[in-house]
Structures are given as structure tokens and as C-alpha cells.
């Protein structure tokens, strides 16, 4: 078993903890660069908003490339996984809250 398979073995509610942690870490590292890029087009996005928007943006990105992960499948499922849908909606609302157009 290679190291990635071992790290992805640890799960919470069916989602790999390693994948979630890596997503948030990557967004934390990119947040200042993304904020600077958006500042050029006169949109102020605080770094914390990028971190909050990690899950909604990851679902959109996976849909755009056609990769249906367990979280994407659960989010698109019409009859269940309401807690996940509420978390994603809450992250979307809180993530968009502090964005200002200058």
C-alpha cells in the first residue's frame, strides 16, 4: 500500500480526511495570491473568504471537469444528504458575505 492510499484510508462520514485537509491547506496557501489577482480587477476578496469557499468551489471545479467524487454525488443527490447541502450553502453564503466590488 502506498502512502497516498494509506492517508486516504482515514475517513469521516465517507469523505477522506486527507483530501479535505489538503484542499483547505491548498486554498490557504493560494488565498493571498487569489486576493491579489482579484484586486487587479477591482474585487476585494478577503483571504478568509477563499478558505470558506473551498468546498463550494471544489464542487464546481469537479463538475466542470466531469469528476464525480462522493461529495459531488452526495451534493447532487435529490433526496438525501441534507446536512451536506446545508453546509455547502452556508459556506457559499458566508464566503460571499465579505466580497466587495470597488
PDB file of N, CA and C in Angstrom:
ATOM      1  N   UNK A   1       0.844  -1.163   0.000  1.00  0.00           N
ATOM      2  CA  UNK A   1       0.000   0.000   0.000  1.00  0.00           C
ATOM      3  C   UNK A   1       0.903   1.244   0.000  1.00  0.00           C
ATOM      4  N   UNK A   2       0.654   2.138  -0.948  1.00  0.00           N
ATOM      5  CA  UNK A   2       1.474   3.351  -0.986  1.00  0.00           C
ATOM      6  C   UNK A   2       0.958   4.370   0.034  1.00  0.00           C
ATOM      7  N   UNK A   3       1.717   5.417   0.224  1.00  0.00           N
ATOM      8  CA  UNK A   3       1.430   6.396   1.288  1.00  0.00           C
ATOM      9  C   UNK A   3       0.116   7.143   1.048  1.00  0.00           C
ATOM     10  N   UNK A   4      -0.183   7.486  -0.211  1.00  0.00           N
ATOM     11  CA  UNK A   4      -1.429   8.221  -0.507  1.00  0.00           C
ATOM     12  C   UNK A   4      -2.649   7.352  -0.201  1.00  0.00           C
ATOM     13  N   UNK A   5      -2.594   6.102  -0.595  1.00  0.00           N
ATOM     14  CA  UNK A   5      -3.705   5.192  -0.301  1.00  0.00           C
ATOM     15  C   UNK A   5      -3.888   5.039   1.204  1.00  0.00           C
ATOM     16  N   UNK A   6      -2.784   4.966   1.928  1.00  0.00           N
ATOM     17  CA  UNK A   6      -2.868   4.854   3.380  1.00  0.00           C
ATOM     18  C   UNK A   6      -3.481   6.115   3.991  1.00  0.00           C
ATOM     19  N   UNK A   7      -3.044   7.291   3.527  1.00  0.00           N
ATOM     20  CA  UNK A   7      -3.572   8.539   4.079  1.00  0.00           C
ATOM     21  C   UNK A   7      -5.045   8.732   3.733  1.00  0.00           C
ATOM     22  N   UNK A   8      -5.459   8.283   2.560  1.00  0.00           N
ATOM     23  CA  UNK A   8      -6.862   8.421   2.169  1.00  0.00           C
ATOM     24  C   UNK A   8      -7.758   7.377   2.831  1.00  0.00           C
ATOM     25  N   UNK A   9      -7.148   6.442   3.518  1.00  0.00           N
ATOM     26  CA  UNK A   9      -7.894   5.392   4.201  1.00  0.00           C
ATOM     27  C   UNK A   9      -8.717   5.947   5.370  1.00  0.00           C
ATOM     28  N   UNK A  10      -8.227   6.974   6.022  1.00  0.00           N
ATOM     29  CA  UNK A  10      -8.915   7.566   7.163  1.00  0.00           C
ATOM     30  C   UNK A  10     -10.058   8.430   6.670  1.00  0.00           C
ATOM     31  N   UNK A  11     -11.262   8.115   7.109  1.00  0.00           N
ATOM     32  CA  UNK A  11     -12.450   8.781   6.594  1.00  0.00           C
ATOM     33  C   UNK A  11     -13.355   9.274   7.713  1.00  0.00           C
ATOM     34  N   UNK A  12     -14.128  10.309   7.390  1.00  0.00           N
ATOM     35  CA  UNK A  12     -15.168  10.821   8.273  1.00  0.00           C
ATOM     36  C   UNK A  12     -16.430  10.947   7.443  1.00  0.00           C
ATOM     37  N   UNK A  13     -17.461  10.208   7.807  1.00  0.00           N
ATOM     38  CA  UNK A  13     -18.729  10.193   7.069  1.00  0.00           C
ATOM     39  C   UNK A  13     -18.529   9.873   5.586  1.00  0.00           C
ATOM     40  N   UNK A  14     -17.546   9.049   5.273  1.00  0.00           N
ATOM     41  CA  UNK A  14     -17.313   8.637   3.896  1.00  0.00           C
ATOM     42  C   UNK A  14     -16.387   9.540   3.103  1.00  0.00           C
ATOM     43  N   UNK A  15     -15.927  10.630   3.685  1.00  0.00           N
ATOM     44  CA  UNK A  15     -15.043  11.567   2.990  1.00  0.00           C
ATOM     45  C   UNK A  15     -13.633  11.430   3.543  1.00  0.00           C
ATOM     46  N   UNK A  16     -12.658  11.369   2.665  1.00  0.00           N
ATOM     47  CA  UNK A  16     -11.265  11.208   3.084  1.00  0.00           C
ATOM     48  C   UNK A  16     -10.787  12.471   3.794  1.00  0.00           C
ATOM     49  N   UNK A  17     -10.347  12.322   5.023  1.00  0.00           N
ATOM     50  CA  UNK A  17      -9.867  13.457   5.817  1.00  0.00           C
ATOM     51  C   UNK A  17      -8.650  14.092   5.155  1.00  0.00           C
ATOM     52  N   UNK A  18      -7.787  13.262   4.577  1.00  0.00           N
ATOM     53  CA  UNK A  18      -6.590  13.762   3.903  1.00  0.00           C
ATOM     54  C   UNK A  18      -6.958  14.692   2.752  1.00  0.00           C
ATOM     55  N   UNK A  19      -7.951  14.314   1.948  1.00  0.00           N
ATOM     56  CA  UNK A  19      -8.376  15.145   0.814  1.00  0.00           C
ATOM     57  C   UNK A  19      -8.938  16.481   1.283  1.00  0.00           C
ATOM     58  N   UNK A  20      -9.767  16.444   2.321  1.00  0.00           N
ATOM     59  CA  UNK A  20     -10.338  17.689   2.841  1.00  0.00           C
ATOM     60  C   UNK A  20      -9.249  18.598   3.411  1.00  0.00           C
ATOM     61  N   UNK A  21      -8.350  18.011   4.184  1.00  0.00           N
ATOM     62  CA  UNK A  21      -7.271  18.809   4.783  1.00  0.00           C
ATOM     63  C   UNK A  21      -6.368  19.399   3.710  1.00  0.00           C
ATOM     64  N   UNK A  22      -6.061  18.614   2.690  1.00  0.00           N
ATOM     65  CA  UNK A  22      -5.219  19.101   1.603  1.00  0.00           C
ATOM     66  C   UNK A  22      -5.911  20.217   0.814  1.00  0.00           C
ATOM     67  N   UNK A  23      -7.216  20.110   0.633  1.00  0.00           N
ATOM     68  CA  UNK A  23      -7.971  21.156  -0.070  1.00  0.00           C
ATOM     69  C   UNK A  23      -7.920  22.472   0.706  1.00  0.00           C
ATOM     70  N   UNK A  24      -8.179  22.405   1.999  1.00  0.00           N
ATOM     71  CA  UNK A  24      -8.151  23.618   2.815  1.00  0.00           C
ATOM     72  C   UNK A  24      -6.740  24.194   2.919  1.00  0.00           C
ATOM     73  N   UNK A  25      -5.741  23.345   3.022  1.00  0.00           N
ATOM     74  CA  UNK A  25      -4.355  23.810   3.067  1.00  0.00           C
ATOM     75  C   UNK A  25      -3.968  24.480   1.759  1.00  0.00           C
ATOM     76  N   UNK A  26      -4.339  23.861   0.643  1.00  0.00           N
ATOM     77  CA  UNK A  26      -4.038  24.455  -0.666  1.00  0.00           C
ATOM     78  C   UNK A  26      -4.714  25.802  -0.851  1.00  0.00           C
ATOM     79  N   UNK A  27      -5.967  25.905  -0.438  1.00  0.00           N
ATOM     80  CA  UNK A  27      -6.672  27.176  -0.567  1.00  0.00           C
ATOM     81  C   UNK A  27      -6.078  28.223   0.365  1.00  0.00           C
ATOM     82  N   UNK A  28      -5.638  27.819   1.547  1.00  0.00           N
ATOM     83  CA  UNK A  28      -4.988  28.754   2.474  1.00  0.00           C
ATOM     84  C   UNK A  28      -3.702  29.287   1.860  1.00  0.00           C
ATOM     85  N   UNK A  29      -2.938  28.408   1.204  1.00  0.00           N
ATOM     86  CA  UNK A  29      -1.696  28.841   0.571  1.00  0.00           C
ATOM     87  C   UNK A  29      -1.949  29.742  -0.644  1.00  0.00           C
ATOM     88  N   UNK A  30      -3.023  29.494  -1.377  1.00  0.00           N
ATOM     89  CA  UNK A  30      -3.328  30.281  -2.580  1.00  0.00           C
ATOM     90  C   UNK A  30      -4.153  31.530  -2.301  1.00  0.00           C
ATOM     91  N   UNK A  31      -4.716  31.652  -1.110  1.00  0.00           N
ATOM     92  CA  UNK A  31      -5.672  32.721  -0.843  1.00  0.00           C
ATOM     93  C   UNK A  31      -5.089  34.119  -1.030  1.00  0.00           C
ATOM     94  N   UNK A  32      -3.876  34.355  -0.601  1.00  0.00           N
ATOM     95  CA  UNK A  32      -3.308  35.698  -0.764  1.00  0.00           C
ATOM     96  C   UNK A  32      -3.056  35.998  -2.241  1.00  0.00           C
ATOM     97  N   UNK A  33      -2.600  35.013  -2.995  1.00  0.00           N
ATOM     98  CA  UNK A  33      -2.390  35.221  -4.433  1.00  0.00           C
ATOM     99  C   UNK A  33      -3.716  35.470  -5.149  1.00  0.00           C
ATOM    100  N   UNK A  34      -4.734  34.698  -4.824  1.00  0.00           N
ATOM    101  CA  UNK A  34      -6.050  34.891  -5.443  1.00  0.00           C
ATOM    102  C   UNK A  34      -6.637  36.247  -5.082  1.00  0.00           C
ATOM    103  N   UNK A  35      -6.441  36.681  -3.843  1.00  0.00           N
ATOM    104  CA  UNK A  35      -6.941  38.000  -3.440  1.00  0.00           C
ATOM    105  C   UNK A  35      -6.249  39.103  -4.229  1.00  0.00           C
ATOM    106  N   UNK A  36      -4.939  38.971  -4.451  1.00  0.00           N
ATOM    107  CA  UNK A  36      -4.209  39.964  -5.235  1.00  0.00           C
ATOM    108  C   UNK A  36      -4.666  39.977  -6.688  1.00  0.00           C
ATOM    109  N   UNK A  37      -4.920  38.816  -7.253  1.00  0.00           N
ATOM    110  CA  UNK A  37      -5.394  38.740  -8.639  1.00  0.00           C
ATOM    111  C   UNK A  37      -6.761  39.412  -8.768  1.00  0.00           C
ATOM    112  N   UNK A  38      -7.649  39.158  -7.826  1.00  0.00           N
ATOM    113  CA  UNK A  38      -8.976  39.765  -7.893  1.00  0.00           C
ATOM    114  C   UNK A  38      -8.929  41.257  -7.587  1.00  0.00           C
ATOM    115  N   UNK A  39      -7.936  41.694  -6.808  1.00  0.00           N
ATOM    116  CA  UNK A  39      -7.792  43.123  -6.535  1.00  0.00           C
ATOM    117  C   UNK A  39      -7.473  43.884  -7.823  1.00  0.00           C
ATOM    118  N   UNK A  40      -6.776  43.237  -8.756  1.00  0.00           N
ATOM    119  CA  UNK A  40      -6.444  43.866 -10.038  1.00  0.00           C
ATOM    120  C   UNK A  40      -7.715  44.188 -10.816  1.00  0.00           C
ATOM    121  N   UNK A  41      -8.721  43.337 -10.702  1.00  0.00           N
ATOM    122  CA  UNK A  41      -9.984  43.605 -11.411  1.00  0.00           C
ATOM    123  C   UNK A  41     -11.006  44.284 -10.492  1.00  0.00           C
ATOM    124  N   UNK A  42     -10.492  44.912  -9.414  1.00  0.00           N
ATOM    125  CA  UNK A  42     -11.280  45.751  -8.501  1.00  0.00           C
ATOM    126  C   UNK A  42     -12.352  44.981  -7.730  1.00  0.00           C
ATOM    127  N   UNK A  43     -12.042  43.748  -7.364  1.00  0.00           N
ATOM    128  CA  UNK A  43     -12.922  42.969  -6.498  1.00  0.00           C
ATOM    129  C   UNK A  43     -12.120  42.603  -5.257  1.00  0.00           C
ATOM    130  N   UNK A  44     -12.607  43.038  -4.091  1.00  0.00           N
ATOM    131  CA  UNK A  44     -11.917  42.770  -2.828  1.00  0.00           C
ATOM    132  C   UNK A  44     -12.468  41.477  -2.221  1.00  0.00           C
ATOM    133  N   UNK A  45     -11.618  40.457  -2.185  1.00  0.00           N
ATOM    134  CA  UNK A  45     -11.984  39.179  -1.575  1.00  0.00           C
ATOM    135  C   UNK A  45     -10.994  38.907  -0.448  1.00  0.00           C
ATOM    136  N   UNK A  46     -11.436  38.964   0.813  1.00  0.00           N
ATOM    137  CA  UNK A  46     -10.526  38.661   1.917  1.00  0.00           C
ATOM    138  C   UNK A  46     -10.026  37.208   1.848  1.00  0.00           C
ATOM    139  N   UNK A  47      -8.846  36.978   2.387  1.00  0.00           N
ATOM    140  CA  UNK A  47      -8.247  35.645   2.339  1.00  0.00           C
ATOM    141  C   UNK A  47      -9.112  34.607   3.054  1.00  0.00           C
ATOM    142  N   UNK A  48      -9.750  34.997   4.152  1.00  0.00           N
ATOM    143  CA  UNK A  48     -10.580  34.034   4.881  1.00  0.00           C
ATOM    144  C   UNK A  48     -11.776  33.578   4.048  1.00  0.00           C
ATOM    145  N   UNK A  49     -12.246  34.438   3.150  1.00  0.00           N
ATOM    146  CA  UNK A  49     -13.378  34.057   2.304  1.00  0.00           C
ATOM    147  C   UNK A  49     -12.997  32.939   1.332  1.00  0.00           C
ATOM    148  N   UNK A  50     -11.764  32.954   0.858  1.00  0.00           N
ATOM    149  CA  UNK A  50     -11.317  31.883  -0.032  1.00  0.00           C
ATOM    150  C   UNK A  50     -11.345  30.543   0.693  1.00  0.00           C
ATOM    151  N   UNK A  51     -10.941  30.557   1.946  1.00  0.00           N
ATOM    152  CA  UNK A  51     -10.917  29.315   2.717  1.00  0.00           C
ATOM    153  C   UNK A  51     -12.343  28.814   2.960  1.00  0.00           C
ATOM    154  N   UNK A  52     -13.248  29.730   3.246  1.00  0.00           N
ATOM    155  CA  UNK A  52     -14.651  29.348   3.451  1.00  0.00           C
ATOM    156  C   UNK A  52     -15.258  28.824   2.154  1.00  0.00           C
ATOM    157  N   UNK A  53     -14.835  29.358   1.019  1.00  0.00           N
ATOM    158  CA  UNK A  53     -15.376  28.942  -0.276  1.00  0.00           C
ATOM    159  C   UNK A  53     -14.719  27.686  -0.842  1.00  0.00           C
ATOM    160  N   UNK A  54     -13.867  27.043  -0.080  1.00  0.00           N
ATOM    161  CA  UNK A  54     -13.153  25.865  -0.581  1.00  0.00           C
ATOM    162  C   UNK A  54     -14.106  24.762  -1.040  1.00  0.00           C
ATOM    163  N   UNK A  55     -15.045  24.389  -0.213  1.00  0.00           N
ATOM    164  CA  UNK A  55     -15.952  23.294  -0.579  1.00  0.00           C
ATOM    165  C   UNK A  55     -16.882  23.644  -1.738  1.00  0.00           C
ATOM    166  N   UNK A  56     -17.546  24.819  -1.740  1.00  0.00           N
ATOM    167  CA  UNK A  56     -18.371  25.135  -2.908  1.00  0.00           C
ATOM    168  C   UNK A  56     -17.566  25.219  -4.207  1.00  0.00           C
ATOM    169  N   UNK A  57     -16.369  25.803  -4.144  1.00  0.00           N
ATOM    170  CA  UNK A  57     -15.546  25.897  -5.347  1.00  0.00           C
ATOM    171  C   UNK A  57     -15.059  24.522  -5.803  1.00  0.00           C
ATOM    172  N   UNK A  58     -14.788  23.639  -4.853  1.00  0.00           N
ATOM    173  CA  UNK A  58     -14.334  22.307  -5.252  1.00  0.00           C
ATOM    174  C   UNK A  58     -15.452  21.521  -5.933  1.00  0.00           C
ATOM    175  N   UNK A  59     -16.673  21.697  -5.483  1.00  0.00           N
ATOM    176  CA  UNK A  59     -17.793  21.023  -6.148  1.00  0.00           C
ATOM    177  C   UNK A  59     -17.958  21.553  -7.562  1.00  0.00           C
ATOM    178  N   UNK A  60     -17.883  22.858  -7.734  1.00  0.00           N
ATOM    179  CA  UNK A  60     -17.984  23.445  -9.087  1.00  0.00           C
ATOM    180  C   UNK A  60     -16.840  22.967  -9.971  1.00  0.00           C
ATOM    181  N   UNK A  61     -15.633  22.944  -9.438  1.00  0.00           N
ATOM    182  CA  UNK A  61     -14.474  22.505 -10.222  1.00  0.00           C
ATOM    183  C   UNK A  61     -14.615  21.037 -10.638  1.00  0.00           C
ATOM    184  N   UNK A  62     -15.060  20.191  -9.724  1.00  0.00           N
ATOM    185  CA  UNK A  62     -15.238  18.785 -10.069  1.00  0.00           C
ATOM    186  C   UNK A  62     -16.341  18.600 -11.110  1.00  0.00           C
ATOM    187  N   UNK A  63     -17.389  19.392 -11.030  1.00  0.00           N
ATOM    188  CA  UNK A  63     -18.443  19.316 -12.041  1.00  0.00           C
ATOM    189  C   UNK A  63     -17.936  19.762 -13.409  1.00  0.00           C
ATOM    190  N   UNK A  64     -17.108  20.813 -13.433  1.00  0.00           N
ATOM    191  CA  UNK A  64     -16.579  21.317 -14.704  1.00  0.00           C
ATOM    192  C   UNK A  64     -15.672  20.309 -15.406  1.00  0.00           C
ATOM    193  N   UNK A  65     -14.904  19.558 -14.634  1.00  0.00           N
ATOM    194  CA  UNK A  65     -14.005  18.575 -15.251  1.00  0.00           C
ATOM    195  C   UNK A  65     -14.643  17.195 -15.365  1.00  0.00           C
ATOM    196  N   UNK A  66     -15.866  17.046 -14.870  1.00  0.00           N
ATOM    197  CA  UNK A  66     -16.582  15.784 -15.011  1.00  0.00           C
ATOM    198  C   UNK A  66     -16.138  14.696 -14.054  1.00  0.00           C
ATOM    199  N   UNK A  67     -15.546  15.061 -12.949  1.00  0.00           N
ATOM    200  CA  UNK A  67     -15.080  14.090 -11.950  1.00  0.00           C
ATOM    201  C   UNK A  67     -16.099  14.058 -10.814  1.00  0.00           C
ATOM    202  N   UNK A  68     -16.854  12.995 -10.735  1.00  0.00           N
ATOM    203  CA  UNK A  68     -17.913  12.885  -9.733  1.00  0.00           C
ATOM    204  C   UNK A  68     -17.385  12.147  -8.507  1.00  0.00           C
ATOM    205  N   UNK A  69     -16.937  12.916  -7.534  1.00  0.00           N
ATOM    206  CA  UNK A  69     -16.432  12.377  -6.274  1.00  0.00           C
ATOM    207  C   UNK A  69     -17.619  12.037  -5.373  1.00  0.00           C
ATOM    208  N   UNK A  70     -17.387  11.331  -4.267  1.00  0.00           N
ATOM    209  CA  UNK A  70     -18.505  11.038  -3.361  1.00  0.00           C
ATOM    210  C   UNK A  70     -19.214  12.304  -2.858  1.00  0.00           C
ATOM    211  N   UNK A  71     -18.464  13.385  -2.592  1.00  0.00           N
ATOM    212  CA  UNK A  71     -19.108  14.605  -2.124  1.00  0.00           C
ATOM    213  C   UNK A  71     -19.975  15.229  -3.212  1.00  0.00           C
ATOM    214  N   UNK A  72     -19.506  15.213  -4.448  1.00  0.00           N
ATOM    215  CA  UNK A  72     -20.291  15.768  -5.556  1.00  0.00           C
ATOM    216  C   UNK A  72     -21.547  14.935  -5.760  1.00  0.00           C
ATOM    217  N   UNK A  73     -21.405  13.620  -5.742  1.00  0.00           N
ATOM    218  CA  UNK A  73     -22.579  12.746  -5.897  1.00  0.00           C
ATOM    219  C   UNK A  73     -23.580  12.954  -4.771  1.00  0.00           C
ATOM    220  N   UNK A  74     -23.082  13.077  -3.548  1.00  0.00           N
ATOM    221  CA  UNK A  74     -23.987  13.302  -2.414  1.00  0.00           C
ATOM    222  C   UNK A  74     -24.651  14.668  -2.492  1.00  0.00           C
ATOM    223  N   UNK A  75     -23.918  15.670  -2.960  1.00  0.00           N
ATOM    224  CA  UNK A  75     -24.490  17.007  -3.090  1.00  0.00           C
ATOM    225  C   UNK A  75     -25.573  17.043  -4.168  1.00  0.00           C
ATOM    226  N   UNK A  76     -25.388  16.299  -5.244  1.00  0.00           N
ATOM    227  CA  UNK A  76     -26.355  16.292  -6.339  1.00  0.00           C
ATOM    228  C   UNK A  76     -27.524  15.345  -6.110  1.00  0.00           C
ATOM    229  N   UNK A  77     -27.424  14.482  -5.127  1.00  0.00           N
ATOM    230  CA  UNK A  77     -28.494  13.549  -4.828  1.00  0.00           C
ATOM    231  C   UNK A  77     -29.737  14.328  -4.366  1.00  0.00           C
ATOM    232  N   UNK A  78     -30.887  14.117  -5.007  1.00  0.00           N
ATOM    233  CA  UNK A  78     -32.055  14.974  -4.719  1.00  0.00           C
ATOM    234  C   UNK A  78     -32.776  14.680  -3.405  1.00  0.00           C
ATOM    235  N   UNK A  79     -32.640  13.488  -2.844  1.00  0.00           N
ATOM    236  CA  UNK A  79     -33.499  13.123  -1.720  1.00  0.00           C
ATOM    237  C   UNK A  79     -32.818  12.959  -0.374  1.00  0.00           C
ATOM    238  N   UNK A  80     -31.502  13.051  -0.315  1.00  0.00           N
ATOM    239  CA  UNK A  80     -30.848  12.855   0.977  1.00  0.00           C
ATOM    240  C   UNK A  80     -29.591  13.716   1.067  1.00  0.00           C
ATOM    241  N   UNK A  81     -28.829  13.550   2.140  1.00  0.00           N
ATOM    242  CA  UNK A  81     -27.602  14.318   2.408  1.00  0.00           C
ATOM    243  C   UNK A  81     -27.895  15.809   2.584  1.00  0.00           C
ATOM    244  N   UNK A  82     -28.942  16.098   3.350  1.00  0.00           N
ATOM    245  CA  UNK A  82     -29.344  17.486   3.567  1.00  0.00           C
ATOM    246  C   UNK A  82     -28.343  18.253   4.406  1.00  0.00           C
ATOM    247  N   UNK A  83     -27.665  17.577   5.317  1.00  0.00           N
ATOM    248  CA  UNK A  83     -26.669  18.260   6.148  1.00  0.00           C
ATOM    249  C   UNK A  83     -25.523  18.767   5.274  1.00  0.00           C
ATOM    250  N   UNK A  84     -25.064  17.931   4.346  1.00  0.00           N
ATOM    251  CA  UNK A  84     -24.008  18.350   3.420  1.00  0.00           C
ATOM    252  C   UNK A  84     -24.466  19.549   2.590  1.00  0.00           C
ATOM    253  N   UNK A  85     -25.675  19.502   2.100  1.00  0.00           N
ATOM    254  CA  UNK A  85     -26.197  20.605   1.285  1.00  0.00           C
ATOM    255  C   UNK A  85     -26.294  21.892   2.092  1.00  0.00           C
ATOM    256  N   UNK A  86     -26.704  21.794   3.350  1.00  0.00           N
ATOM    257  CA  UNK A  86     -26.770  22.974   4.206  1.00  0.00           C
ATOM    258  C   UNK A  86     -25.378  23.520   4.512  1.00  0.00           C
ATOM    259  N   UNK A  87     -24.412  22.634   4.719  1.00  0.00           N
ATOM    260  CA  UNK A  87     -23.035  23.079   4.969  1.00  0.00           C
ATOM    261  C   UNK A  87     -22.479  23.793   3.741  1.00  0.00           C
ATOM    262  N   UNK A  88     -22.689  23.238   2.561  1.00  0.00           N
ATOM    263  CA  UNK A  88     -22.193  23.859   1.332  1.00  0.00           C
ATOM    264  C   UNK A  88     -22.887  25.198   1.100  1.00  0.00           C
ATOM    265  N   UNK A  89     -24.191  25.259   1.305  1.00  0.00           N
ATOM    266  CA  UNK A  89     -24.926  26.520   1.148  1.00  0.00           C
ATOM    267  C   UNK A  89     -24.460  27.551   2.171  1.00  0.00           C
ATOM    268  N   UNK A  90     -24.250  27.129   3.407  1.00  0.00           N
ATOM    269  CA  UNK A  90     -23.746  28.036   4.443  1.00  0.00           C
ATOM    270  C   UNK A  90     -22.356  28.557   4.098  1.00  0.00           C
ATOM    271  N   UNK A  91     -21.491  27.675   3.609  1.00  0.00           N
ATOM    272  CA  UNK A  91     -20.140  28.108   3.195  1.00  0.00           C
ATOM    273  C   UNK A  91     -20.224  29.088   2.025  1.00  0.00           C
ATOM    274  N   UNK A  92     -21.143  28.858   1.116  1.00  0.00           N
ATOM    275  CA  UNK A  92     -21.298  29.764  -0.027  1.00  0.00           C
ATOM    276  C   UNK A  92     -21.767  31.140   0.437  1.00  0.00           C
ATOM    277  N   UNK A  93     -22.740  31.169   1.317  1.00  0.00           N
ATOM    278  CA  UNK A  93     -23.259  32.453   1.811  1.00  0.00           C
ATOM    279  C   UNK A  93     -22.203  33.187   2.618  1.00  0.00           C
ATOM    280  N   UNK A  94     -21.536  32.497   3.559  1.00  0.00           N
ATOM    281  CA  UNK A  94     -20.507  33.133   4.371  1.00  0.00           C
ATOM    282  C   UNK A  94     -19.297  33.534   3.531  1.00  0.00           C
ATOM    283  N   UNK A  95     -18.982  32.748   2.521  1.00  0.00           N
ATOM    284  CA  UNK A  95     -17.853  33.075   1.666  1.00  0.00           C
ATOM    285  C   UNK A  95     -18.089  34.277   0.781  1.00  0.00           C
ATOM    286  N   UNK A  96     -19.319  34.465   0.361  1.00  0.00           N
ATOM    287  CA  UNK A  96     -19.649  35.623  -0.482  1.00  0.00           C
ATOM    288  C   UNK A  96     -19.937  36.880   0.341  1.00  0.00           C
ATOM    289  N   UNK A  97     -20.106  36.714   1.647  1.00  0.00           N
ATOM    290  CA  UNK A  97     -20.521  37.826   2.521  1.00  0.00           C
ATOM    291  C   UNK A  97     -19.581  39.017   2.484  1.00  0.00           C
ATOM    292  N   UNK A  98     -18.279  38.829   2.568  1.00  0.00           N
ATOM    293  CA  UNK A  98     -17.351  39.955   2.685  1.00  0.00           C
ATOM    294  C   UNK A  98     -16.774  40.444   1.379  1.00  0.00           C
ATOM    295  N   UNK A  99     -17.233  39.938   0.261  1.00  0.00           N
ATOM    296  CA  UNK A  99     -16.674  40.329  -1.036  1.00  0.00           C
ATOM    297  C   UNK A  99     -17.286  41.665  -1.439  1.00  0.00           C
ATOM    298  N   UNK A 100     -16.402  42.589  -1.850  1.00  0.00           N
ATOM    299  CA  UNK A 100     -16.859  43.922  -2.256  1.00  0.00           C
ATOM    300  C   UNK A 100     -16.283  44.276  -3.614  1.00  0.00           C
ATOM    301  N   UNK A 101     -17.082  44.966  -4.411  1.00  0.00           N
ATOM    302  CA  UNK A 101     -16.613  45.487  -5.694  1.00  0.00           C
ATOM    303  C   UNK A 101     -16.231  46.935  -5.475  1.00  0.00           C
ATOM    304  N   UNK A 102     -15.008  47.270  -5.854  1.00  0.00           N
ATOM    305  CA  UNK A 102     -14.531  48.650  -5.644  1.00  0.00           C
ATOM    306  C   UNK A 102     -14.670  49.450  -6.911  1.00  0.00           C
TER     307      UNK A 102
END
